[in-house]
Amino acid sequence: MKKVAIVASGFYSELTAEMLADTQATLTKANYQYTVFLVAGVFELPAVVQRIMQTGGYVGAVCLGVVIQGETPHFDFVSGAAAHGITQASLTTGLPIAFGVLTTHTYAQAEARVFGTKGRKGTEATQALIQSMAILTQLP
């Protein structure tokens, strides 16, 4: 059975909950089973998703979260670490991991990318994962 891990940040939970619902709906429609793992924040995504993928029980993963720029450089450190870490987890395990992490300047920009006026990030990230998994299954 094709099983996908969804690893979602609990920070900005009202936004990630919507992305999670979109991800679940997209995977269900494509006949994938999934397990949801909740972590505290975006910074925790890479280590958790890498370990999950190392178990051998999943064919791919979607990481979901939101980082909104504030008054300090914290935004740069968290978003950069997440992007780098998730990429490294994918390369290390050889399995596709979609980056469904929003990095925006304002809460309103995040809302627009979650609720549809500028896309639906949960759906888009999940569709990217499904496409990547399809390509990788065709390779020798």
Foldseek 3Di string as FASTA:
>chain_A
DAEEEEEEECPVVVLRVLLVVLLVVLCVVVPYHYDYHYDHALQPPLVVVLVVLVVVPHQEYEYAHEQEDDDDCPLVVSVVNNVVSNVVSCVVSVHYYFYLYHYYHDPVVSCCCCVPVVHNSSNVRNVVRVVVSVVVVPDD
